[in-house]
Amino acid sequence: MIPKTIIHLLSGGLDSTVLLYDLVNQGHRIHALVIDYGQSHIKEALFASDHCERLCVKATHLQMPRLRGSKLTDGVGTYVVPNRNAVLLSIACNLAVTANSEAVTVGSNFDDAAGFPDCRPEFVAAFNSALVAAEVPVEVCAPYIGKTKREIVQIGRQLGVSFPLTWSCYVKGEDQCGTCPACVKRLEALR
């Protein structure tokens, strides 16, 4: 693969962190974008910063207005934040254009697709079609979209990712709860 300049949506969670290490290992020039959209589990952003420092990756932290309609942001509904990835990817694509980047990457994966509509291949394809229609010269790439979290963990282990320094929990606290859906998927993948 030819190295590219990439804007990488980095949450500090398991999937996006492994993808960060993978992209750096492939020789890409990475600019990480860490967005606070009002999620209660903001501790993941601290882990994102730590990994960027370890890898000497430029990171931009962005505070935006709180997204609404989810347990993750305002305590109502489900864990799905309505249209979250469309909002975050739109911001990342804007940054990509201004930074002369060719691509935006996101850690969407097979295991998340069942519960999160904006983590599905159809969503990424539709989003890329919208970028073409809007004449935005950026492509959204989701290299792990067909991979399970267990497969992502295997890649991370090969790359030396420190999984205790990733945050997947949906619950605000000092430690990951171990019982929310994100923690359960994480623990299963790490076995």
N, C-alpha and C. Protein backbone atom coordinates (compact mmCIF):
# COMPACT_ATOMS: atom_id res chain seq x y z
N MET A 1 0.83 -1.18 0.00
CA MET A 1 0.00 0.00 0.00
C MET A 1 0.88 1.25 0.00
N ILE A 2 0.53 2.22 -0.80
CA ILE A 2 1.27 3.48 -0.86
C ILE A 2 0.89 4.32 0.35
N PRO A 3 1.89 4.83 1.08
CA PRO A 3 1.56 5.65 2.26
C PRO A 3 0.71 6.85 1.87
N LYS A 4 -0.28 7.15 2.69
CA LYS A 4 -1.17 8.28 2.48
C LYS A 4 -1.16 9.17 3.71
N THR A 5 -1.63 10.39 3.51
CA THR A 5 -1.94 11.23 4.64
C THR A 5 -3.38 10.94 5.02
N ILE A 6 -3.60 10.62 6.27
CA ILE A 6 -4.91 10.17 6.72
C ILE A 6 -5.34 10.94 7.96
N ILE A 7 -6.60 11.36 7.97
CA ILE A 7 -7.23 11.85 9.20
C ILE A 7 -7.90 10.63 9.82
N HIS A 8 -7.50 10.29 11.03
CA HIS A 8 -8.02 9.10 11.70
C HIS A 8 -8.92 9.50 12.86
N LEU A 9 -10.19 9.06 12.81
CA LEU A 9 -11.09 9.29 13.94
C LEU A 9 -10.67 8.35 15.07
N LEU A 10 -10.17 8.92 16.13
CA LEU A 10 -9.61 8.15 17.24
C LEU A 10 -10.41 8.43 18.50
N SER A 11 -11.01 7.38 19.05
CA SER A 11 -11.77 7.55 20.28
C SER A 11 -10.94 7.21 21.52
N GLY A 12 -9.96 6.34 21.35
CA GLY A 12 -9.24 5.80 22.50
C GLY A 12 -9.75 4.42 22.87
N GLY A 13 -10.75 3.95 22.13
CA GLY A 13 -11.27 2.61 22.33
C GLY A 13 -10.40 1.58 21.63
N LEU A 14 -10.72 0.34 21.84
CA LEU A 14 -9.93 -0.78 21.32
C LEU A 14 -9.78 -0.72 19.79
N ASP A 15 -10.87 -0.57 19.07
CA ASP A 15 -10.85 -0.67 17.61
C ASP A 15 -10.06 0.48 16.96
N SER A 16 -10.38 1.70 17.34
CA SER A 16 -9.72 2.84 16.70
C SER A 16 -8.25 2.93 17.11
N THR A 17 -7.92 2.45 18.31
CA THR A 17 -6.52 2.48 18.74
C THR A 17 -5.69 1.45 17.98
N VAL A 18 -6.22 0.24 17.82
CA VAL A 18 -5.49 -0.76 17.03
C VAL A 18 -5.32 -0.26 15.60
N LEU A 19 -6.36 0.33 15.04
CA LEU A 19 -6.25 0.85 13.68
C LEU A 19 -5.20 1.95 13.60
N LEU A 20 -5.09 2.80 14.61
CA LEU A 20 -4.04 3.82 14.64
C LEU A 20 -2.66 3.17 14.53
N TYR A 21 -2.41 2.17 15.36
CA TYR A 21 -1.12 1.47 15.33
C TYR A 21 -0.89 0.80 13.97
N ASP A 22 -1.93 0.21 13.43
CA ASP A 22 -1.84 -0.47 12.14
C ASP A 22 -1.47 0.53 11.03
N LEU A 23 -2.13 1.67 11.00
CA LEU A 23 -1.86 2.68 9.98
C LEU A 23 -0.43 3.23 10.09
N VAL A 24 0.01 3.49 11.33
CA VAL A 24 1.38 3.96 11.54
C VAL A 24 2.36 2.88 11.09
N ASN A 25 2.09 1.63 11.43
CA ASN A 25 2.96 0.51 11.04
C ASN A 25 3.06 0.39 9.52
N GLN A 26 1.99 0.73 8.81
CA GLN A 26 2.00 0.67 7.34
C GLN A 26 2.74 1.86 6.73
N GLY A 27 3.13 2.81 7.53
CA GLY A 27 3.90 3.94 7.04
C GLY A 27 3.07 5.16 6.64
N HIS A 28 1.79 5.16 6.98
CA HIS A 28 0.96 6.31 6.65
C HIS A 28 1.27 7.49 7.56
N ARG A 29 1.05 8.68 7.06
CA ARG A 29 1.15 9.90 7.85
C ARG A 29 -0.23 10.13 8.46
N ILE A 30 -0.30 10.16 9.77
CA ILE A 30 -1.58 10.20 10.47
C ILE A 30 -1.76 11.50 11.23
N HIS A 31 -2.96 12.03 11.13
CA HIS A 31 -3.40 13.15 11.97
C HIS A 31 -4.66 12.63 12.66
N ALA A 32 -4.56 12.40 13.96
CA ALA A 32 -5.69 11.85 14.71
C ALA A 32 -6.65 12.96 15.09
N LEU A 33 -7.93 12.66 15.00
CA LEU A 33 -8.98 13.59 15.40
C LEU A 33 -9.76 12.94 16.53
N VAL A 34 -9.72 13.58 17.70
CA VAL A 34 -10.40 13.08 18.89
C VAL A 34 -11.52 14.07 19.19
N ILE A 35 -12.76 13.59 19.15
CA ILE A 35 -13.91 14.49 19.28
C ILE A 35 -14.70 14.19 20.55
N ASP A 36 -14.90 15.23 21.34
CA ASP A 36 -15.78 15.16 22.49
C ASP A 36 -17.15 15.64 22.02
N TYR A 37 -18.09 14.70 21.90
CA TYR A 37 -19.44 15.04 21.43
C TYR A 37 -20.45 14.98 22.58
N GLY A 38 -19.93 15.03 23.81
CA GLY A 38 -20.78 15.01 24.98
C GLY A 38 -20.96 13.63 25.58
N GLN A 39 -20.15 12.66 25.14
CA GLN A 39 -20.25 11.31 25.66
C GLN A 39 -19.81 11.27 27.12
N SER A 40 -20.51 10.46 27.91
CA SER A 40 -20.20 10.38 29.34
C SER A 40 -18.87 9.68 29.60
N HIS A 41 -18.45 8.84 28.68
CA HIS A 41 -17.23 8.05 28.86
C HIS A 41 -16.02 8.77 28.24
N ILE A 42 -15.81 10.02 28.61
CA ILE A 42 -14.78 10.85 28.00
C ILE A 42 -13.36 10.40 28.37
N LYS A 43 -13.24 9.51 29.34
CA LYS A 43 -11.91 9.03 29.74
C LYS A 43 -11.16 8.42 28.55
N GLU A 44 -11.91 7.92 27.56
CA GLU A 44 -11.26 7.34 26.38
C GLU A 44 -10.38 8.36 25.67
N ALA A 45 -10.73 9.63 25.74
CA ALA A 45 -9.93 10.67 25.07
C ALA A 45 -8.54 10.78 25.69
N LEU A 46 -8.43 10.54 27.00
CA LEU A 46 -7.12 10.55 27.66
C LEU A 46 -6.24 9.43 27.12
N PHE A 47 -6.84 8.26 26.91
CA PHE A 47 -6.09 7.15 26.34
C PHE A 47 -5.69 7.44 24.89
N ALA A 48 -6.57 8.09 24.14
CA ALA A 48 -6.26 8.47 22.76
C ALA A 48 -5.02 9.37 22.73
N SER A 49 -4.98 10.35 23.61
CA SER A 49 -3.84 11.27 23.68
C SER A 49 -2.55 10.53 23.99
N ASP A 50 -2.64 9.60 24.93
CA ASP A 50 -1.46 8.82 25.31
C ASP A 50 -0.89 8.04 24.13
N HIS A 51 -1.75 7.40 23.36
CA HIS A 51 -1.27 6.62 22.22
C HIS A 51 -0.69 7.52 21.13
N CYS A 52 -1.26 8.68 20.94
CA CYS A 52 -0.70 9.62 19.95
C CYS A 52 0.70 10.06 20.37
N GLU A 53 0.87 10.34 21.65
CA GLU A 53 2.19 10.72 22.14
C GLU A 53 3.19 9.59 21.95
N ARG A 54 2.80 8.37 22.28
CA ARG A 54 3.69 7.21 22.14
C ARG A 54 4.14 7.01 20.69
N LEU A 55 3.23 7.28 19.76
CA LEU A 55 3.51 7.05 18.34
C LEU A 55 3.98 8.30 17.60
N CYS A 56 4.10 9.41 18.31
CA CYS A 56 4.47 10.70 17.71
C CYS A 56 3.51 11.07 16.58
N VAL A 57 2.22 10.92 16.84
CA VAL A 57 1.17 11.24 15.89
C VAL A 57 0.53 12.56 16.30
N LYS A 58 0.37 13.44 15.33
CA LYS A 58 -0.32 14.71 15.58
C LYS A 58 -1.77 14.41 15.93
N ALA A 59 -2.29 15.12 16.94
CA ALA A 59 -3.69 14.92 17.35
C ALA A 59 -4.37 16.27 17.54
N THR A 60 -5.58 16.34 17.05
CA THR A 60 -6.42 17.50 17.28
C THR A 60 -7.59 17.05 18.14
N HIS A 61 -7.82 17.76 19.24
CA HIS A 61 -8.96 17.48 20.12
C HIS A 61 -10.01 18.54 19.86
N LEU A 62 -11.22 18.09 19.62
CA LEU A 62 -12.30 19.00 19.27
C LEU A 62 -13.46 18.81 20.23
N GLN A 63 -13.90 19.90 20.82
CA GLN A 63 -15.09 19.90 21.66
C GLN A 63 -16.24 20.43 20.82
N MET A 64 -17.30 19.67 20.70
CA MET A 64 -18.45 20.11 19.92
C MET A 64 -19.69 20.08 20.80
N PRO A 65 -20.79 20.66 20.35
CA PRO A 65 -22.01 20.59 21.14
C PRO A 65 -22.42 19.13 21.36
N ARG A 66 -23.06 18.89 22.49
CA ARG A 66 -23.49 17.54 22.85
C ARG A 66 -24.48 16.99 21.84
N LEU A 67 -24.20 15.80 21.34
CA LEU A 67 -25.19 15.08 20.54
C LEU A 67 -26.24 14.53 21.50
N ARG A 68 -27.45 14.43 21.06
CA ARG A 68 -28.55 14.05 21.95
C ARG A 68 -29.17 12.71 21.56
N GLY A 69 -30.02 12.20 22.44
CA GLY A 69 -30.84 11.05 22.13
C GLY A 69 -30.24 9.70 22.41
N SER A 70 -29.30 9.61 23.37
CA SER A 70 -28.65 8.34 23.66
C SER A 70 -28.29 8.25 25.14
N LYS A 71 -28.21 7.03 25.64
CA LYS A 71 -27.69 6.80 26.99
C LYS A 71 -26.27 7.35 27.13
N LEU A 72 -25.52 7.36 26.03
CA LEU A 72 -24.12 7.79 26.08
C LEU A 72 -23.96 9.29 26.26
N THR A 73 -24.99 10.05 25.89
CA THR A 73 -24.84 11.50 25.93
C THR A 73 -25.77 12.19 26.91
N ASP A 74 -27.04 11.84 26.88
CA ASP A 74 -27.97 12.50 27.79
C ASP A 74 -28.84 11.53 28.59
N GLY A 75 -28.42 10.28 28.63
CA GLY A 75 -29.05 9.30 29.51
C GLY A 75 -30.41 8.78 29.07
N VAL A 76 -30.77 8.97 27.81
CA VAL A 76 -32.06 8.48 27.34
C VAL A 76 -31.88 7.58 26.13
N GLY A 77 -32.85 6.71 25.90
CA GLY A 77 -32.80 5.86 24.71
C GLY A 77 -31.84 4.69 24.84
N THR A 78 -31.23 4.36 23.74
CA THR A 78 -30.29 3.23 23.67
C THR A 78 -28.86 3.76 23.65
N TYR A 79 -27.92 2.85 23.43
CA TYR A 79 -26.52 3.26 23.31
C TYR A 79 -26.21 3.82 21.93
N VAL A 80 -27.14 3.76 21.00
CA VAL A 80 -26.94 4.32 19.67
C VAL A 80 -27.13 5.83 19.76
N VAL A 81 -26.10 6.58 19.37
CA VAL A 81 -26.21 8.04 19.28
C VAL A 81 -26.69 8.32 17.86
N PRO A 82 -27.91 8.84 17.69
CA PRO A 82 -28.46 9.02 16.35
C PRO A 82 -27.53 9.83 15.43
N ASN A 83 -27.18 9.22 14.32
CA ASN A 83 -26.39 9.86 13.25
C ASN A 83 -24.98 10.26 13.69
N ARG A 84 -24.48 9.68 14.76
CA ARG A 84 -23.17 10.09 15.29
C ARG A 84 -22.06 9.99 14.26
N ASN A 85 -21.91 8.84 13.60
CA ASN A 85 -20.79 8.71 12.68
C ASN A 85 -20.90 9.65 11.49
N ALA A 86 -22.11 9.95 11.05
CA ALA A 86 -22.26 10.92 9.95
C ALA A 86 -21.76 12.29 10.39
N VAL A 87 -22.08 12.68 11.62
CA VAL A 87 -21.62 13.97 12.13
C VAL A 87 -20.11 13.97 12.28
N LEU A 88 -19.56 12.96 12.94
CA LEU A 88 -18.11 12.92 13.19
C LEU A 88 -17.33 12.80 11.88
N LEU A 89 -17.82 11.98 10.96
CA LEU A 89 -17.12 11.83 9.68
C LEU A 89 -17.18 13.11 8.86
N SER A 90 -18.29 13.84 8.94
CA SER A 90 -18.38 15.12 8.22
C SER A 90 -17.33 16.10 8.73
N ILE A 91 -17.16 16.17 10.04
CA ILE A 91 -16.14 17.04 10.61
C ILE A 91 -14.75 16.58 10.18
N ALA A 92 -14.51 15.27 10.23
CA ALA A 92 -13.21 14.72 9.83
C ALA A 92 -12.93 14.99 8.36
N CYS A 93 -13.94 14.88 7.51
CA CYS A 93 -13.74 15.14 6.08
C CYS A 93 -13.43 16.60 5.82
N ASN A 94 -14.05 17.50 6.58
CA ASN A 94 -13.73 18.91 6.46
C ASN A 94 -12.26 19.14 6.83
N LEU A 95 -11.82 18.54 7.93
CA LEU A 95 -10.42 18.66 8.33
C LEU A 95 -9.51 18.06 7.26
N ALA A 96 -9.92 16.93 6.69
CA ALA A 96 -9.11 16.29 5.65
C ALA A 96 -8.90 17.21 4.46
N VAL A 97 -9.94 17.88 4.03
CA VAL A 97 -9.81 18.80 2.89
C VAL A 97 -8.83 19.91 3.22
N THR A 98 -8.97 20.50 4.40
CA THR A 98 -8.10 21.62 4.77
C THR A 98 -6.67 21.18 5.04
N ALA A 99 -6.48 19.91 5.37
CA ALA A 99 -5.13 19.38 5.64
C ALA A 99 -4.54 18.67 4.42
N ASN A 100 -5.23 18.76 3.28
CA ASN A 100 -4.79 18.07 2.05
C ASN A 100 -4.64 16.57 2.26
N SER A 101 -5.52 16.00 3.05
CA SER A 101 -5.51 14.55 3.27
C SER A 101 -6.40 13.88 2.23
N GLU A 102 -6.05 12.65 1.92
CA GLU A 102 -6.78 11.90 0.91
C GLU A 102 -7.87 11.01 1.50
N ALA A 103 -7.76 10.74 2.79
CA ALA A 103 -8.66 9.74 3.38
C ALA A 103 -8.94 10.05 4.84
N VAL A 104 -10.09 9.56 5.27
CA VAL A 104 -10.47 9.56 6.68
C VAL A 104 -10.70 8.10 7.05
N THR A 105 -10.15 7.67 8.17
CA THR A 105 -10.35 6.30 8.61
C THR A 105 -11.18 6.26 9.89
N VAL A 106 -11.92 5.16 10.02
CA VAL A 106 -12.77 4.95 11.18
C VAL A 106 -12.69 3.47 11.56
N GLY A 107 -12.79 3.17 12.85
CA GLY A 107 -12.62 1.80 13.33
C GLY A 107 -13.86 0.94 13.32
N SER A 108 -14.84 1.25 12.51
CA SER A 108 -16.05 0.42 12.42
C SER A 108 -15.68 -1.02 12.12
N ASN A 109 -16.42 -1.96 12.72
CA ASN A 109 -16.08 -3.37 12.56
C ASN A 109 -17.33 -4.24 12.51
N PHE A 110 -17.13 -5.50 12.20
CA PHE A 110 -18.22 -6.45 12.01
C PHE A 110 -19.09 -6.60 13.25
N ASP A 111 -18.47 -6.67 14.42
CA ASP A 111 -19.22 -6.89 15.66
C ASP A 111 -20.11 -5.70 16.02
N ASP A 112 -19.71 -4.49 15.64
CA ASP A 112 -20.52 -3.31 15.95
C ASP A 112 -21.67 -3.11 14.97
N ALA A 113 -21.57 -3.71 13.79
CA ALA A 113 -22.56 -3.48 12.74
C ALA A 113 -23.97 -3.91 13.15
N ALA A 114 -24.09 -4.95 13.94
CA ALA A 114 -25.42 -5.44 14.33
C ALA A 114 -26.21 -4.40 15.12
N GLY A 115 -25.56 -3.70 16.02
CA GLY A 115 -26.26 -2.76 16.88
C GLY A 115 -26.17 -1.30 16.47
N PHE A 116 -25.23 -0.99 15.60
CA PHE A 116 -24.99 0.40 15.23
C PHE A 116 -25.08 0.55 13.71
N PRO A 117 -26.20 1.10 13.22
CA PRO A 117 -26.39 1.21 11.77
C PRO A 117 -25.29 2.00 11.06
N ASP A 118 -24.68 2.97 11.76
CA ASP A 118 -23.64 3.77 11.10
C ASP A 118 -22.26 3.14 11.19
N CYS A 119 -22.21 1.84 11.49
CA CYS A 119 -20.97 1.07 11.46
C CYS A 119 -21.02 -0.02 10.38
N ARG A 120 -22.00 0.07 9.51
CA ARG A 120 -22.22 -0.95 8.48
C ARG A 120 -21.59 -0.55 7.15
N PRO A 121 -21.21 -1.55 6.34
CA PRO A 121 -20.64 -1.24 5.01
C PRO A 121 -21.57 -0.36 4.17
N GLU A 122 -22.87 -0.57 4.28
CA GLU A 122 -23.82 0.22 3.50
C GLU A 122 -23.75 1.70 3.88
N PHE A 123 -23.55 1.97 5.16
CA PHE A 123 -23.44 3.36 5.60
C PHE A 123 -22.18 4.00 5.03
N VAL A 124 -21.05 3.30 5.12
CA VAL A 124 -19.79 3.85 4.61
C VAL A 124 -19.89 4.10 3.11
N ALA A 125 -20.49 3.16 2.38
CA ALA A 125 -20.65 3.33 0.93
C ALA A 125 -21.54 4.54 0.64
N ALA A 126 -22.64 4.68 1.36
CA ALA A 126 -23.55 5.81 1.15
C ALA A 126 -22.86 7.13 1.51
N PHE A 127 -22.08 7.12 2.57
CA PHE A 127 -21.38 8.34 2.97
C PHE A 127 -20.38 8.74 1.89
N ASN A 128 -19.66 7.75 1.35
CA ASN A 128 -18.71 8.06 0.28
C ASN A 128 -19.42 8.57 -0.97
N SER A 129 -20.60 8.04 -1.25
CA SER A 129 -21.38 8.54 -2.39
C SER A 129 -21.78 10.00 -2.15
N ALA A 130 -22.14 10.34 -0.93
CA ALA A 130 -22.48 11.72 -0.60
C ALA A 130 -21.27 12.64 -0.77
N LEU A 131 -20.08 12.16 -0.40
CA LEU A 131 -18.87 12.96 -0.59
C LEU A 131 -18.62 13.22 -2.07
N VAL A 132 -18.82 12.21 -2.89
CA VAL A 132 -18.65 12.38 -4.35
C VAL A 132 -19.65 13.41 -4.87
N ALA A 133 -20.90 13.28 -4.45
CA ALA A 133 -21.94 14.21 -4.89
C ALA A 133 -21.64 15.64 -4.45
N ALA A 134 -21.02 15.78 -3.28
CA ALA A 134 -20.68 17.10 -2.76
C ALA A 134 -19.32 17.59 -3.28
N GLU A 135 -18.69 16.79 -4.13
CA GLU A 135 -17.37 17.12 -4.72
C GLU A 135 -16.31 17.34 -3.65
N VAL A 136 -16.34 16.49 -2.64
CA VAL A 136 -15.33 16.50 -1.58
C VAL A 136 -14.30 15.43 -1.94
N PRO A 137 -13.05 15.80 -2.18
CA PRO A 137 -12.04 14.85 -2.65
C PRO A 137 -11.41 13.99 -1.55
N VAL A 138 -12.26 13.38 -0.75
CA VAL A 138 -11.80 12.57 0.38
C VAL A 138 -12.59 11.26 0.36
N GLU A 139 -11.93 10.18 0.75
CA GLU A 139 -12.62 8.89 0.87
C GLU A 139 -12.61 8.45 2.33
N VAL A 140 -13.77 7.98 2.80
CA VAL A 140 -13.85 7.39 4.13
C VAL A 140 -13.54 5.91 3.99
N CYS A 141 -12.58 5.46 4.77
CA CYS A 141 -12.16 4.05 4.75
C CYS A 141 -12.40 3.42 6.12
N ALA A 142 -12.93 2.23 6.10
CA ALA A 142 -13.17 1.47 7.33
C ALA A 142 -12.50 0.10 7.15
N PRO A 143 -11.17 0.05 7.29
CA PRO A 143 -10.44 -1.18 6.98
C PRO A 143 -10.83 -2.39 7.81
N TYR A 144 -11.44 -2.17 8.97
CA TYR A 144 -11.81 -3.29 9.84
C TYR A 144 -13.29 -3.65 9.75
N ILE A 145 -14.01 -3.10 8.81
CA ILE A 145 -15.46 -3.27 8.76
C ILE A 145 -15.88 -4.73 8.62
N GLY A 146 -15.04 -5.57 8.07
CA GLY A 146 -15.35 -6.99 7.94
C GLY A 146 -14.67 -7.85 9.01
N LYS A 147 -13.99 -7.22 9.95
CA LYS A 147 -13.26 -7.96 10.98
C LYS A 147 -14.01 -7.95 12.31
N THR A 148 -13.89 -9.05 13.04
CA THR A 148 -14.46 -9.13 14.38
C THR A 148 -13.51 -8.45 15.37
N LYS A 149 -14.02 -8.14 16.54
CA LYS A 149 -13.16 -7.55 17.57
C LYS A 149 -12.03 -8.52 17.95
N ARG A 150 -12.32 -9.79 17.95
CA ARG A 150 -11.27 -10.77 18.26
C ARG A 150 -10.14 -10.69 17.23
N GLU A 151 -10.50 -10.55 15.95
CA GLU A 151 -9.47 -10.40 14.91
C GLU A 151 -8.70 -9.09 15.09
N ILE A 152 -9.39 -8.05 15.50
CA ILE A 152 -8.73 -6.76 15.73
C ILE A 152 -7.77 -6.87 16.91
N VAL A 153 -8.17 -7.58 17.95
CA VAL A 153 -7.27 -7.81 19.09
C VAL A 153 -6.01 -8.56 18.64
N GLN A 154 -6.16 -9.55 17.78
CA GLN A 154 -4.99 -10.28 17.27
C GLN A 154 -4.04 -9.35 16.54
N ILE A 155 -4.58 -8.46 15.72
CA ILE A 155 -3.74 -7.48 15.02
C ILE A 155 -3.04 -6.60 16.05
N GLY A 156 -3.79 -6.14 17.04
CA GLY A 156 -3.22 -5.29 18.07
C GLY A 156 -2.11 -5.95 18.85
N ARG A 157 -2.28 -7.21 19.15
CA ARG A 157 -1.22 -7.94 19.87
C ARG A 157 0.04 -8.03 19.03
N GLN A 158 -0.11 -8.25 17.74
CA GLN A 158 1.06 -8.30 16.84
C GLN A 158 1.77 -6.94 16.78
N LEU A 159 1.00 -5.87 16.94
CA LEU A 159 1.56 -4.52 16.85
C LEU A 159 2.00 -3.97 18.20
N GLY A 160 1.80 -4.73 19.26
CA GLY A 160 2.23 -4.30 20.59
C GLY A 160 1.33 -3.27 21.25
N VAL A 161 0.04 -3.26 20.91
CA VAL A 161 -0.89 -2.33 21.54
C VAL A 161 -1.10 -2.75 23.00
N SER A 162 -1.05 -1.79 23.89
CA SER A 162 -1.32 -2.04 25.31
C SER A 162 -2.82 -1.89 25.53
N PHE A 163 -3.54 -2.99 25.60
CA PHE A 163 -5.00 -2.95 25.73
C PHE A 163 -5.48 -2.35 27.05
N PRO A 164 -4.72 -2.47 28.16
CA PRO A 164 -5.17 -1.78 29.37
C PRO A 164 -5.20 -0.25 29.19
N LEU A 165 -4.53 0.26 28.16
CA LEU A 165 -4.54 1.69 27.88
C LEU A 165 -5.52 2.05 26.77
N THR A 166 -6.58 1.24 26.65
CA THR A 166 -7.70 1.59 25.77
C THR A 166 -8.95 1.58 26.63
N TRP A 167 -9.95 2.31 26.20
CA TRP A 167 -11.18 2.45 26.98
C TRP A 167 -12.36 2.13 26.10
N SER A 168 -13.13 1.11 26.46
CA SER A 168 -14.29 0.73 25.69
C SER A 168 -15.61 0.90 26.45
N CYS A 169 -15.54 1.21 27.71
CA CYS A 169 -16.72 1.25 28.57
C CYS A 169 -17.62 2.43 28.25
N TYR A 170 -18.93 2.21 28.32
CA TYR A 170 -19.91 3.26 28.12
C TYR A 170 -20.25 4.01 29.40
N VAL A 171 -19.76 3.52 30.53
CA VAL A 171 -20.14 4.08 31.82
C VAL A 171 -19.02 4.98 32.33
N LYS A 172 -19.42 6.15 32.82
CA LYS A 172 -18.45 7.08 33.38
C LYS A 172 -17.94 6.52 34.69
N GLY A 173 -16.64 6.50 34.87
CA GLY A 173 -16.05 6.01 36.12
C GLY A 173 -14.55 5.91 36.01
N GLU A 174 -13.93 5.57 37.10
CA GLU A 174 -12.47 5.42 37.12
C GLU A 174 -12.01 4.15 36.41
N ASP A 175 -12.83 3.10 36.52
CA ASP A 175 -12.51 1.81 35.91
C ASP A 175 -13.65 1.42 34.97
N GLN A 176 -13.34 0.56 34.01
CA GLN A 176 -14.36 0.07 33.10
C GLN A 176 -15.28 -0.87 33.88
N CYS A 177 -16.59 -0.75 33.63
CA CYS A 177 -17.57 -1.46 34.46
C CYS A 177 -17.56 -2.97 34.27
N GLY A 178 -17.24 -3.42 33.07
CA GLY A 178 -17.21 -4.85 32.81
C GLY A 178 -18.56 -5.46 32.47
N THR A 179 -19.64 -4.68 32.54
CA THR A 179 -20.97 -5.23 32.29
C THR A 179 -21.75 -4.55 31.18
N CYS A 180 -21.38 -3.35 30.76
CA CYS A 180 -22.10 -2.68 29.67
C CYS A 180 -21.81 -3.44 28.37
N PRO A 181 -22.60 -3.24 27.32
CA PRO A 181 -22.38 -3.98 26.07
C PRO A 181 -20.97 -3.83 25.50
N ALA A 182 -20.39 -2.64 25.60
CA ALA A 182 -19.03 -2.43 25.07
C ALA A 182 -18.00 -3.24 25.87
N CYS A 183 -18.15 -3.26 27.18
CA CYS A 183 -17.22 -4.03 28.02
C CYS A 183 -17.35 -5.52 27.76
N VAL A 184 -18.58 -6.00 27.61
CA VAL A 184 -18.79 -7.43 27.36
C VAL A 184 -18.12 -7.84 26.04
N LYS A 185 -18.31 -7.05 24.98
CA LYS A 185 -17.67 -7.36 23.68
C LYS A 185 -16.15 -7.32 23.81
N ARG A 186 -15.66 -6.33 24.54
CA ARG A 186 -14.21 -6.19 24.74
C ARG A 186 -13.63 -7.40 25.45
N LEU A 187 -14.27 -7.80 26.56
CA LEU A 187 -13.77 -8.94 27.33
C LEU A 187 -13.79 -10.23 26.51
N GLU A 188 -14.84 -10.42 25.71
CA GLU A 188 -14.91 -11.60 24.85
C GLU A 188 -13.78 -11.59 23.82
N ALA A 189 -13.49 -10.44 23.26
CA ALA A 189 -12.45 -10.33 22.24
C ALA A 189 -11.05 -10.55 22.81
N LEU A 190 -10.86 -10.13 24.07
CA LEU A 190 -9.53 -10.24 24.68
C LEU A 190 -9.21 -11.63 25.21
N ARG A 191 -10.19 -12.54 25.24
CA ARG A 191 -9.95 -13.90 25.76
C ARG A 191 -9.01 -14.67 24.88
